[in-house]
Amino acid sequence: MQHSTAFERGRPTAGAVAEALRDSRPAVFWLDGLDRPERPALVGGHAADLVVVGGGYAGLWTAVRAKERDPGLKVVLLEAHEIGWAASGRNGGFCEASLTHGEENGRRRWPEEFDVLERLGEENLDGIEDTVRRYDMQVEFERTGQLSVAVEPHQVAWLAGDDSFLDQASVRAEIDSPTYLAGSWDRRGCALLHPGRMARELARVAEDLGVELYEHSAVTGIERGDRPVVRTARGWVRAGRVALATNVFPPLLKRNRLMTVPVYDYVLVTEPLDDARLSGIGWRNRQGVADLANQFHYYRLTADNRVLFGGYDAVYHAGGRVRPEYEERPATFSRLAGHLLTTFPQLEGVRISHRWAGAIDTSTQFCAFYGTASRGRIAYASGFTGLGVGATRFAADVMLDLLAGAETERTALAMVRRRPLPFPPDPIAAAGIAATRWSLDRADHNEGRRNALLRALDAAGLGFDS
């Protein structure tokens, strides 16, 4: 039996949605007006102990951690466009401790080592906080935690056993939304930060440590050997070791071409809320928030008290392409604006200033996978599936351990040693993703009950519960 959801029962008027979006701009709030240094392209021949490919969080953390381990290393980082321009500058700014996309996903896939993964994730988040403080990184870091909220009656039971359970009155005392029925506040497992500033500051720290950063230097290929040669259109670097951090973009190793698919995520940001509007919502403790639906929303306050609101639609385009035209999706932005006003009817009349999208590198295990090539001279990490703000630092340490040939607690993990299943090629992948998304939506309309497809995916170790 199909039931309407909170976002259908409390839908605002079409006029209210259109008015909210009327003056919005297709621009990434985190990058809009951000002062970012320009860096040269790689030209001519060079040599390095370590070449890092990719100037997002994974690549930047790898460069920083490599220099922290051995200040004498010569490290070169190559970015195809500009530092932090892709997923690292476009996300919601949730920096989570989880390395496994949540407890249920982690316990289902790695039950024998989940407690270790949980501890390592907490240590990793602590390490990020320590790095921010040690290098005086201006990234608007707030260790305020995350509030998980039940917005349907069947979701309340999912939270009831939590030590941090909040009943309806308690959760609405934290943040006043008429959609909230219960909640759970993880006070230490998530921090908020400014994604664009985080990329910029990691790049600054890397350069201060002696890393050479090159932009507009897309890698065209790697010649393997005792010292691999990494080539760009205008230059090359002979490397002792290579770390690949190419995120959602086509991998440089053939073996990884079916290991991830790009799924587009969409985000809105409002104009700053005045004191009266903010007081009407509460939110004094500035937690990040996520609801418990399969098609879930995530939202937070920015430093200047705008509301960032994203999620719900996750869109795959046949062929696995990443294209600028996929970022403008009016139906999705209207849907998100409607869901924002359902969540906070107090915000009717507040304008949305920015709207944007970005592609998430999704793997079948819904978190990063790792490996090496060329007899251990090349390491890679990919498939963060929306968790890259925090997990990329852990991935950097894994890649550096692997390149060093070191046996560590990290490299012993089954999560590191096992490769997840690849996606099938299109059109099979497109059909499977569409069917799965339809099934998840159906479950949200059926008190969380999972149909035969979702149960089969769960049994095969491919299921996902947000």
Protein backbone atom coordinates (compact mmCIF):
# COMPACT_ATOMS: atom_id res chain seq x y z
CA MET A 1 0.00 0.00 0.00
CA GLN A 2 1.42 3.35 -1.05
CA HIS A 3 1.44 6.27 1.40
CA SER A 4 2.18 9.91 0.75
CA THR A 5 5.36 11.30 2.29
CA ALA A 6 5.76 14.35 4.51
CA PHE A 7 6.97 16.31 1.50
CA GLU A 8 3.81 15.50 -0.42
CA ARG A 9 1.43 16.03 2.49
CA GLY A 10 2.95 19.43 3.33
CA ARG A 11 3.69 20.63 -0.18
CA PRO A 12 3.86 24.44 -0.54
CA THR A 13 2.14 26.30 -3.34
CA ALA A 14 3.77 26.42 -6.75
CA GLY A 15 3.82 30.19 -6.45
CA ALA A 16 5.83 30.07 -3.22
CA VAL A 17 8.38 27.74 -4.83
CA ALA A 18 8.69 29.90 -7.94
CA GLU A 19 9.15 33.04 -5.85
CA ALA A 20 11.88 31.39 -3.76
CA LEU A 21 13.82 30.46 -6.89
CA ARG A 22 13.13 33.63 -8.88
CA ASP A 23 16.47 35.36 -8.31
CA SER A 24 18.66 32.27 -7.79
CA ARG A 25 21.88 32.01 -9.77
CA PRO A 26 23.50 28.88 -11.23
CA ALA A 27 26.66 29.24 -9.16
CA VAL A 28 28.46 27.24 -6.47
CA PHE A 29 28.09 29.24 -3.25
CA TRP A 30 31.38 27.94 -1.81
CA LEU A 31 33.37 29.05 -4.86
CA ASP A 32 31.46 32.23 -5.72
CA GLY A 33 33.88 35.11 -5.14
CA LEU A 34 36.43 32.94 -3.36
CA ASP A 35 39.97 34.22 -3.84
CA ARG A 36 41.95 31.31 -5.29
CA PRO A 37 45.59 31.66 -6.35
CA GLU A 38 46.40 30.84 -9.96
CA ARG A 39 49.06 28.21 -10.53
CA PRO A 40 51.08 27.37 -13.63
CA ALA A 41 50.58 24.45 -15.99
CA LEU A 42 53.25 21.77 -16.16
CA VAL A 43 55.69 22.47 -19.00
CA GLY A 44 58.75 20.41 -19.91
CA GLY A 45 60.39 17.52 -18.09
CA HIS A 46 60.54 17.09 -14.32
CA ALA A 47 61.40 14.44 -11.73
CA ALA A 48 59.73 13.73 -8.39
CA ASP A 49 59.63 11.14 -5.65
CA LEU A 50 55.81 11.21 -5.69
CA VAL A 51 53.37 12.46 -8.31
CA VAL A 52 49.80 12.99 -7.17
CA VAL A 53 47.15 13.13 -9.90
CA GLY A 54 44.11 15.17 -8.88
CA GLY A 55 43.74 18.46 -7.02
CA GLY A 56 40.68 17.65 -4.94
CA TYR A 57 40.69 16.61 -1.30
CA ALA A 58 42.13 13.14 -1.92
CA GLY A 59 45.07 14.47 -3.90
CA LEU A 60 45.71 17.42 -1.60
CA TRP A 61 45.61 15.30 1.54
CA THR A 62 47.99 12.80 -0.09
CA ALA A 63 50.47 15.55 -0.88
CA VAL A 64 50.23 17.05 2.61
CA ARG A 65 50.46 13.73 4.43
CA ALA A 66 53.42 12.64 2.28
CA LYS A 67 55.38 15.77 3.22
CA GLU A 68 54.42 15.41 6.88
CA ARG A 69 55.79 11.86 6.84
CA ASP A 70 58.98 12.78 4.98
CA PRO A 71 59.71 16.50 4.52
CA GLY A 72 62.56 15.64 2.15
CA LEU A 73 60.31 14.06 -0.50
CA LYS A 74 59.86 15.94 -3.75
CA VAL A 75 56.11 15.90 -4.37
CA VAL A 76 54.37 17.16 -7.53
CA LEU A 77 50.59 17.47 -7.80
CA LEU A 78 48.85 17.73 -11.20
CA GLU A 79 45.29 19.07 -11.53
CA ALA A 80 43.41 19.01 -14.84
CA HIS A 81 41.44 22.20 -14.13
CA GLU A 82 41.73 24.24 -10.90
CA ILE A 83 42.30 23.15 -7.32
CA GLY A 84 39.02 22.13 -5.66
CA TRP A 85 36.75 23.06 -8.60
CA ALA A 86 34.84 19.75 -8.77
CA ALA A 87 33.32 17.66 -5.95
CA SER A 88 35.70 19.10 -3.35
CA GLY A 89 34.30 22.58 -3.89
CA ARG A 90 30.66 21.64 -4.51
CA ASN A 91 29.59 19.45 -1.58
CA GLY A 92 27.53 20.35 1.47
CA GLY A 93 30.51 20.73 3.80
CA PHE A 94 29.67 17.76 6.04
CA CYS A 95 32.92 16.22 7.29
CA GLU A 96 31.90 12.86 8.76
CA ALA A 97 33.83 10.36 10.83
CA SER A 98 32.24 7.36 9.10
CA LEU A 99 34.45 5.60 6.56
CA THR A 100 31.69 3.15 5.60
CA HIS A 101 28.68 5.36 4.79
CA GLY A 102 27.08 4.76 8.13
CA GLU A 103 26.87 1.99 10.69
CA GLU A 104 24.37 -0.26 8.92
CA ASN A 105 26.31 -0.24 5.66
CA GLY A 106 29.55 -0.90 7.54
CA ARG A 107 28.23 -3.72 9.71
CA ARG A 108 26.59 -5.41 6.73
CA ARG A 109 29.77 -5.47 4.64
CA TRP A 110 32.58 -5.73 7.21
CA PRO A 111 31.02 -7.05 10.43
CA GLU A 112 34.28 -8.56 11.65
CA GLU A 113 36.14 -5.25 11.57
CA PHE A 114 33.44 -2.63 11.93
CA ASP A 115 34.53 -1.59 15.42
CA VAL A 116 38.07 -0.98 14.10
CA LEU A 117 36.70 1.01 11.14
CA GLU A 118 34.60 3.10 13.49
CA ARG A 119 37.62 3.87 15.69
CA LEU A 120 39.81 4.69 12.71
CA GLY A 121 37.12 6.99 11.36
CA GLU A 122 36.89 8.86 14.66
CA GLU A 123 40.70 9.16 14.81
CA ASN A 124 40.69 10.45 11.23
CA LEU A 125 38.15 13.18 12.01
CA ASP A 126 40.16 14.14 15.08
CA GLY A 127 43.20 14.30 12.83
CA ILE A 128 41.44 16.68 10.45
CA GLU A 129 40.48 18.93 13.35
CA ASP A 130 44.06 18.87 14.62
CA THR A 131 45.41 19.74 11.16
CA VAL A 132 43.00 22.67 10.85
CA ARG A 133 44.18 24.04 14.17
CA ARG A 134 47.88 23.31 13.69
CA TYR A 135 48.12 25.12 10.37
CA ASP A 136 45.58 27.82 11.28
CA MET A 137 43.38 26.84 8.34
CA GLN A 138 40.56 29.33 7.81
CA VAL A 139 37.85 26.83 6.82
CA GLU A 140 34.92 27.68 9.15
CA PHE A 141 35.35 24.36 10.97
CA GLU A 142 32.54 23.60 13.44
CA ARG A 143 32.44 20.28 15.37
CA THR A 144 28.68 20.54 15.96
CA GLY A 145 27.69 16.98 15.07
CA GLN A 146 24.79 15.75 13.01
CA LEU A 147 21.11 15.42 13.77
CA SER A 148 19.33 12.47 12.15
CA VAL A 149 15.60 13.17 11.95
CA ALA A 150 12.58 10.92 11.46
CA VAL A 151 10.01 12.54 9.20
CA GLU A 152 7.70 9.50 8.84
CA PRO A 153 6.13 7.40 11.62
CA HIS A 154 7.94 4.20 10.63
CA GLN A 155 11.32 5.96 10.94
CA VAL A 156 10.85 6.72 14.64
CA ALA A 157 11.47 3.07 15.56
CA TRP A 158 14.80 3.16 13.69
CA LEU A 159 16.05 5.74 16.21
CA ALA A 160 14.39 4.47 19.37
CA GLY A 161 17.38 2.45 20.55
CA ASP A 162 19.92 5.25 20.16
CA ASP A 163 21.52 6.61 23.32
CA SER A 164 21.04 10.09 21.89
CA PHE A 165 17.36 9.60 21.03
CA LEU A 166 15.23 12.75 21.02
CA ASP A 167 11.45 12.55 21.09
CA GLN A 168 9.36 14.93 19.01
CA ALA A 169 9.31 17.71 21.58
CA SER A 170 13.05 17.44 22.19
CA VAL A 171 14.06 17.40 18.56
CA ARG A 172 11.80 20.35 17.75
CA ALA A 173 13.34 22.21 20.67
CA GLU A 174 16.65 21.85 18.82
CA ILE A 175 15.33 22.75 15.35
CA ASP A 176 11.68 23.55 14.84
CA SER A 177 10.35 21.75 11.78
CA PRO A 178 6.76 20.48 11.62
CA THR A 179 8.08 17.44 9.73
CA TYR A 180 10.14 16.18 12.68
CA LEU A 181 8.76 13.23 14.66
CA ALA A 182 11.96 12.20 16.47
CA GLY A 183 15.71 12.56 16.17
CA SER A 184 19.15 11.45 17.26
CA TRP A 185 22.09 13.79 17.75
CA ASP A 186 25.57 12.39 17.10
CA ARG A 187 27.53 15.16 18.77
CA ARG A 188 31.09 14.19 17.74
CA GLY A 189 30.81 12.17 14.54
CA CYS A 190 30.46 15.05 12.12
CA ALA A 191 31.92 18.51 11.62
CA LEU A 192 30.91 21.29 9.27
CA LEU A 193 33.34 23.26 7.15
CA HIS A 194 33.55 25.53 4.09
CA PRO A 195 34.42 23.21 1.18
CA GLY A 196 35.99 25.83 -1.08
CA ARG A 197 38.11 27.23 1.71
CA MET A 198 39.13 23.71 2.72
CA ALA A 199 40.51 22.99 -0.75
CA ARG A 200 42.23 26.38 -0.88
CA GLU A 201 43.79 25.97 2.57
CA LEU A 202 44.96 22.41 1.92
CA ALA A 203 46.67 23.72 -1.20
CA ARG A 204 48.29 26.52 0.84
CA VAL A 205 49.54 24.06 3.44
CA ALA A 206 50.86 21.75 0.73
CA GLU A 207 52.81 24.58 -0.90
CA ASP A 208 54.13 25.75 2.46
CA LEU A 209 55.43 22.22 2.99
CA GLY A 210 57.18 22.32 -0.40
CA VAL A 211 54.71 20.58 -2.73
CA GLU A 212 54.74 21.79 -6.35
CA LEU A 213 51.16 22.36 -7.57
CA TYR A 214 50.30 22.57 -11.27
CA GLU A 215 46.85 23.44 -12.65
CA HIS A 216 45.40 22.99 -16.15
CA SER A 217 47.66 19.96 -16.44
CA ALA A 218 45.44 17.02 -17.34
CA VAL A 219 47.29 13.72 -17.27
CA THR A 220 47.10 12.02 -20.67
CA GLY A 221 48.79 8.78 -19.71
CA ILE A 222 51.28 6.95 -17.51
CA GLU A 223 54.23 5.02 -18.90
CA ARG A 224 54.98 2.23 -16.50
CA GLY A 225 58.39 1.07 -15.44
CA ASP A 226 60.81 1.25 -12.51
CA ARG A 227 60.13 4.99 -12.47
CA PRO A 228 56.76 5.68 -14.12
CA VAL A 229 56.47 8.70 -16.41
CA VAL A 230 53.31 10.78 -15.94
CA ARG A 231 52.52 12.75 -19.10
CA THR A 232 50.43 15.87 -19.71
CA ALA A 233 49.82 17.77 -22.95
CA ARG A 234 52.85 20.02 -22.41
CA GLY A 235 55.13 18.17 -20.04
CA TRP A 236 55.99 15.06 -18.09
CA VAL A 237 57.23 13.95 -14.67
CA ARG A 238 59.38 10.90 -14.01
CA ALA A 239 58.15 9.60 -10.66
CA GLY A 240 59.28 7.23 -7.99
CA ARG A 241 55.67 6.60 -7.03
CA VAL A 242 52.25 7.77 -8.29
CA ALA A 243 49.01 8.33 -6.35
CA LEU A 244 45.81 8.53 -8.39
CA ALA A 245 43.02 10.68 -6.93
CA THR A 246 40.84 11.32 -9.99
CA ASN A 247 37.49 11.02 -8.24
CA VAL A 248 34.54 10.76 -10.63
CA PHE A 249 36.52 11.36 -13.80
CA PRO A 250 37.69 8.56 -16.12
CA PRO A 251 40.43 6.60 -14.37
CA LEU A 252 43.90 6.25 -15.81
CA LEU A 253 43.88 2.51 -15.12
CA LYS A 254 41.75 0.29 -17.36
CA ARG A 255 40.93 -2.01 -14.44
CA ASN A 256 38.95 0.78 -12.74
CA ARG A 257 36.80 1.94 -15.65
CA LEU A 258 33.67 0.15 -14.39
CA MET A 259 34.34 0.61 -10.67
CA THR A 260 32.46 3.90 -10.27
CA VAL A 261 29.57 5.74 -11.88
CA PRO A 262 28.93 9.51 -11.71
CA VAL A 263 25.69 10.37 -9.93
CA TYR A 264 24.61 14.01 -9.88
CA ASP A 265 23.61 15.63 -6.60
CA TYR A 266 21.82 19.00 -6.40
CA VAL A 267 22.03 21.81 -3.83
CA LEU A 268 20.34 25.10 -2.96
CA VAL A 269 21.50 27.90 -0.68
CA THR A 270 19.25 30.68 0.63
CA GLU A 271 20.04 34.29 1.28
CA PRO A 272 21.24 34.93 4.87
CA LEU A 273 18.48 34.60 7.46
CA ASP A 274 17.82 37.61 9.65
CA ASP A 275 17.61 37.16 13.42
CA ALA A 276 13.82 36.87 13.41
CA ARG A 277 13.78 34.11 10.78
CA LEU A 278 16.55 32.21 12.53
CA SER A 279 14.87 32.57 15.90
CA GLY A 280 11.71 31.09 14.39
CA ILE A 281 13.61 27.92 13.56
CA GLY A 282 15.91 27.72 16.57
CA TRP A 283 19.01 25.82 15.42
CA ARG A 284 21.11 27.41 18.17
CA ASN A 285 23.51 24.44 18.20
CA ARG A 286 24.13 24.60 14.44
CA GLN A 287 24.08 20.85 13.80
CA GLY A 288 24.18 19.36 10.36
CA VAL A 289 20.92 17.56 9.60
CA ALA A 290 19.89 14.57 7.50
CA ASP A 291 16.52 12.85 7.36
CA LEU A 292 16.10 9.08 7.31
CA ALA A 293 14.43 8.50 3.95
CA ASN A 294 16.13 6.44 1.26
CA GLN A 295 15.92 9.55 -0.91
CA PHE A 296 17.23 11.74 1.85
CA HIS A 297 17.91 15.44 2.31
CA TYR A 298 20.91 16.99 4.06
CA TYR A 299 21.01 20.56 5.28
CA ARG A 300 22.97 22.96 7.45
CA LEU A 301 23.64 26.59 8.27
CA THR A 302 26.55 28.43 6.69
CA ALA A 303 28.75 30.81 8.67
CA ASP A 304 26.54 33.75 7.63
CA ASN A 305 23.33 31.85 8.49
CA ARG A 306 22.17 30.82 5.06
CA VAL A 307 20.41 27.46 4.82
CA LEU A 308 22.09 24.96 2.51
CA PHE A 309 19.61 22.28 1.41
CA GLY A 310 20.53 19.37 -0.86
CA GLY A 311 20.02 15.74 -1.75
CA TYR A 312 16.90 13.73 -2.62
CA ASP A 313 17.36 13.45 -6.40
CA ALA A 314 20.40 11.40 -7.42
CA VAL A 315 20.65 11.41 -11.20
CA TYR A 316 22.69 9.11 -13.42
CA HIS A 317 23.09 9.94 -17.11
CA ALA A 318 23.47 7.06 -19.53
CA GLY A 319 27.04 6.57 -20.63
CA GLY A 320 28.44 7.73 -17.31
CA ARG A 321 29.29 11.15 -18.68
CA VAL A 322 30.21 14.22 -16.65
CA ARG A 323 29.02 17.35 -18.46
CA PRO A 324 28.33 20.96 -17.44
CA GLU A 325 24.82 20.87 -18.93
CA TYR A 326 23.79 18.19 -16.42
CA GLU A 327 24.19 20.72 -13.62
CA GLU A 328 21.10 22.75 -14.57
CA ARG A 329 17.97 20.71 -13.78
CA PRO A 330 14.93 22.95 -13.16
CA ALA A 331 12.60 20.14 -12.03
CA THR A 332 15.05 19.04 -9.34
CA PHE A 333 15.67 22.57 -8.09
CA SER A 334 11.91 23.18 -7.87
CA ARG A 335 11.47 19.92 -5.99
CA LEU A 336 14.24 20.80 -3.55
CA ALA A 337 12.84 24.29 -2.98
CA GLY A 338 9.44 22.76 -2.25
CA HIS A 339 10.94 20.30 0.20
CA LEU A 340 12.85 23.13 1.89
CA LEU A 341 9.61 25.06 2.42
CA THR A 342 7.86 21.94 3.66
CA THR A 343 10.67 21.42 6.17
CA PHE A 344 10.68 25.08 7.22
CA PRO A 345 7.44 26.87 6.32
CA GLN A 346 8.86 29.73 8.41
CA LEU A 347 11.11 30.48 5.42
CA GLU A 348 8.37 31.32 2.95
CA GLY A 349 9.40 34.59 1.35
CA VAL A 350 13.14 33.91 1.79
CA ARG A 351 14.97 33.89 -1.53
CA ILE A 352 17.31 31.17 -2.76
CA SER A 353 20.54 32.80 -3.89
CA HIS A 354 22.54 29.89 -5.38
CA ARG A 355 21.77 26.60 -7.07
CA TRP A 356 24.28 24.05 -8.35
CA ALA A 357 25.12 20.42 -8.86
CA GLY A 358 28.10 18.11 -8.81
CA ALA A 359 28.90 14.51 -9.68
CA ILE A 360 29.54 11.94 -6.95
CA ASP A 361 31.92 9.01 -7.63
CA THR A 362 29.66 6.14 -6.58
CA SER A 363 30.94 2.61 -5.97
CA THR A 364 28.92 -0.56 -5.40
CA GLN A 365 30.04 -0.69 -1.75
CA PHE A 366 29.06 3.00 -1.23
CA CYS A 367 32.46 3.98 0.14
CA ALA A 368 36.02 4.17 -1.10
CA PHE A 369 38.00 1.26 -2.52
CA TYR A 370 41.78 1.02 -2.83
CA GLY A 371 44.47 -0.78 -4.75
CA THR A 372 47.86 -0.72 -6.46
CA ALA A 373 49.24 -1.26 -9.94
CA SER A 374 52.61 -1.49 -11.64
CA ARG A 375 54.07 -3.70 -8.90
CA GLY A 376 53.14 -1.29 -6.14
CA ARG A 377 54.47 1.87 -7.80
CA ILE A 378 50.97 3.25 -8.43
CA ALA A 379 48.22 3.48 -5.79
CA TYR A 380 44.64 4.64 -6.14
CA ALA A 381 41.55 5.44 -4.09
CA SER A 382 38.12 6.19 -5.51
CA GLY A 383 34.38 5.63 -5.01
CA PHE A 384 33.83 7.83 -1.94
CA THR A 385 30.08 8.05 -2.70
CA GLY A 386 29.53 11.38 -1.00
CA LEU A 387 31.83 10.84 1.99
CA GLY A 388 34.98 12.35 0.56
CA VAL A 389 35.20 15.45 2.76
CA GLY A 390 36.44 13.36 5.66
CA ALA A 391 37.37 9.97 4.22
CA THR A 392 39.87 11.38 1.72
CA ARG A 393 42.39 12.02 4.49
CA PHE A 394 42.13 8.37 5.54
CA ALA A 395 42.46 7.38 1.88
CA ALA A 396 45.63 9.45 1.58
CA ASP A 397 47.21 7.53 4.42
CA VAL A 398 46.12 4.22 2.87
CA MET A 399 47.66 5.12 -0.50
CA LEU A 400 50.91 6.24 1.12
CA ASP A 401 51.07 3.03 3.17
CA LEU A 402 50.52 0.98 0.02
CA LEU A 403 53.16 2.88 -1.94
CA ALA A 404 55.64 2.38 0.89
CA GLY A 405 54.89 -1.35 0.96
CA ALA A 406 54.09 -0.96 4.64
CA GLU A 407 51.96 -3.44 6.58
CA THR A 408 49.78 -1.26 8.78
CA GLU A 409 46.46 -1.52 10.54
CA ARG A 410 44.96 0.31 7.57
CA THR A 411 46.39 -1.94 4.85
CA ALA A 412 45.28 -5.05 6.77
CA LEU A 413 41.62 -4.02 6.56
CA ALA A 414 39.32 -6.16 4.42
CA MET A 415 37.80 -2.88 3.22
CA VAL A 416 41.21 -1.96 1.80
CA ARG A 417 42.21 -5.39 0.51
CA ARG A 418 38.94 -6.36 -1.24
CA ARG A 419 37.73 -4.78 -4.46
CA PRO A 420 33.98 -4.21 -4.68
CA LEU A 421 32.00 -5.53 -7.61
CA PRO A 422 32.18 -3.37 -10.74
CA PHE A 423 29.12 -1.84 -12.34
CA PRO A 424 27.94 -3.52 -15.54
CA PRO A 425 28.36 -1.50 -18.72
CA ASP A 426 25.52 0.55 -20.12
CA PRO A 427 22.71 0.10 -20.97
CA ILE A 428 22.56 -2.48 -18.17
CA ALA A 429 23.98 -0.07 -15.58
CA ALA A 430 21.51 2.69 -16.50
CA ALA A 431 18.56 0.30 -16.29
CA GLY A 432 19.74 -1.13 -12.97
CA ILE A 433 20.32 2.28 -11.40
CA ALA A 434 16.91 3.50 -12.58
CA ALA A 435 15.20 0.40 -11.17
CA THR A 436 17.01 0.74 -7.86
CA ARG A 437 16.13 4.41 -7.54
CA TRP A 438 12.47 3.63 -8.32
CA SER A 439 12.51 0.88 -5.68
CA LEU A 440 14.01 3.17 -3.04
CA ASP A 441 11.32 5.75 -3.74
CA ARG A 442 8.67 3.04 -3.50
CA ALA A 443 10.07 1.96 -0.12
CA ASP A 444 9.81 5.55 1.13
CA HIS A 445 6.13 5.44 0.14
CA ASN A 446 5.59 2.03 1.73
CA GLU A 447 6.69 2.52 5.36
CA GLY A 448 10.26 1.55 4.51
CA ARG A 449 9.41 -1.92 3.20
CA ARG A 450 11.94 -3.05 0.62
CA ASN A 451 10.77 -4.82 -2.52
CA ALA A 452 12.24 -7.93 -4.11
CA LEU A 453 14.93 -6.01 -6.00
CA LEU A 454 16.20 -4.23 -2.88
CA ARG A 455 16.11 -7.45 -0.87
CA ALA A 456 18.12 -9.20 -3.59
CA LEU A 457 20.68 -6.39 -3.62
CA ASP A 458 20.90 -6.60 0.19
CA ALA A 459 21.52 -10.35 -0.03
CA ALA A 460 24.23 -9.85 -2.65
CA GLY A 461 25.97 -7.24 -0.53
CA LEU A 462 24.98 -4.41 -2.86
CA GLY A 463 22.16 -2.89 -0.85
CA PHE A 464 22.22 0.62 0.53
CA ASP A 465 20.34 2.21 3.40
CA SER A 466 21.06 5.89 3.86
